[in-house]
Amino acid sequence: MRSKAVALAGLVSIVILLLGIRAFLDPLAASASFGLPMHTDPETASARIYGARNALLGAVALVFAMRGMLQPL
C-alpha cells in the first residue's frame, strides 16, 4: 500500500510541477486555460507567480515522494 501512495504522490507532484512550468513559461496560454484570458505582459504577473509557486511546490513534493517521506506530504 505504501508503494502505491508514493507512486501517486510522485505522479501528482510531477503534474503540479509541469503545470507550474507551463504557467511560468507561457502565462498567456495558461491564463486562457484557467478561463481568464490575459493579453498584455503586466496582466500575466499573477500567472507567472502562480507558475513559480507551483513549480517549487511540485519539486519539493517530488523530492519527498522520491525519498518515500509520506509524512510531510
Protein backbone atom coordinates (compact mmCIF):
# COMPACT_ATOMS: atom_id res chain seq x y z
CA MET A 1 0.00 0.00 0.00
CA ARG A 2 2.86 2.37 0.80
CA SER A 3 4.40 1.99 -2.66
CA LYS A 4 1.08 2.90 -4.29
CA ALA A 5 0.86 6.02 -2.15
CA VAL A 6 4.41 7.03 -3.01
CA ALA A 7 3.74 6.44 -6.72
CA LEU A 8 0.55 8.51 -6.58
CA ALA A 9 2.30 11.30 -4.69
CA GLY A 10 5.09 11.27 -7.26
CA LEU A 11 2.63 11.43 -10.15
CA VAL A 12 0.65 14.29 -8.63
CA SER A 13 3.82 16.24 -7.86
CA ILE A 14 5.02 15.81 -11.46
CA VAL A 15 1.68 17.15 -12.73
CA ILE A 16 1.88 20.15 -10.39
CA LEU A 17 5.47 20.77 -11.47
CA LEU A 18 4.55 20.65 -15.16
CA LEU A 19 1.55 22.96 -14.69
CA GLY A 20 3.78 25.41 -12.84
CA ILE A 21 6.45 25.36 -15.53
CA ARG A 22 3.83 25.88 -18.23
CA ALA A 23 2.27 28.82 -16.39
CA PHE A 24 5.70 30.37 -15.81
CA LEU A 25 6.95 29.94 -19.38
CA ASP A 26 3.70 30.65 -21.26
CA PRO A 27 1.40 32.65 -18.97
CA LEU A 28 -0.92 33.74 -21.80
CA ALA A 29 -1.88 30.17 -22.69
CA ALA A 30 -2.04 29.14 -19.04
CA SER A 31 -4.34 32.01 -18.13
CA ALA A 32 -6.59 31.20 -21.11
CA SER A 33 -6.82 27.58 -19.94
CA PHE A 34 -7.86 28.86 -16.49
CA GLY A 35 -10.75 30.67 -18.18
CA LEU A 36 -9.27 34.11 -17.58
CA PRO A 37 -7.51 35.14 -20.79
CA MET A 38 -4.87 37.83 -20.36
CA HIS A 39 -3.45 39.81 -23.24
CA THR A 40 -0.61 42.01 -22.00
CA ASP A 41 2.60 41.21 -20.19
CA PRO A 42 1.74 43.12 -16.97
CA GLU A 43 -1.55 41.20 -16.71
CA THR A 44 0.32 37.89 -16.67
CA ALA A 45 2.26 38.66 -13.49
CA SER A 46 -0.19 36.66 -11.37
CA ALA A 47 0.06 33.69 -13.74
CA ARG A 48 3.87 33.81 -13.55
CA ILE A 49 3.75 33.96 -9.75
CA TYR A 50 1.32 31.02 -9.73
CA GLY A 51 3.64 29.12 -12.05
CA ALA A 52 6.74 29.75 -9.97
CA ARG A 53 4.93 28.74 -6.77
CA ASN A 54 3.53 25.54 -8.27
CA ALA A 55 6.88 24.59 -9.81
CA LEU A 56 8.55 24.98 -6.41
CA LEU A 57 5.83 23.06 -4.56
CA GLY A 58 5.84 20.31 -7.18
CA ALA A 59 9.62 19.96 -6.99
CA VAL A 60 9.59 19.78 -3.18
CA ALA A 61 6.77 17.23 -3.20
CA LEU A 62 8.61 15.17 -5.81
CA VAL A 63 11.72 15.08 -3.63
CA PHE A 64 9.62 13.94 -0.67
CA ALA A 65 7.92 11.26 -2.78
CA MET A 66 11.21 10.00 -4.23
CA ARG A 67 12.63 9.64 -0.72
CA GLY A 68 9.49 7.88 0.45
CA MET A 69 8.75 10.58 3.01
CA LEU A 70 4.95 10.49 3.16
CA GLN A 71 4.61 12.29 6.49
CA PRO A 72 5.43 15.76 5.04
CA LEU A 73 3.07 15.15 2.10
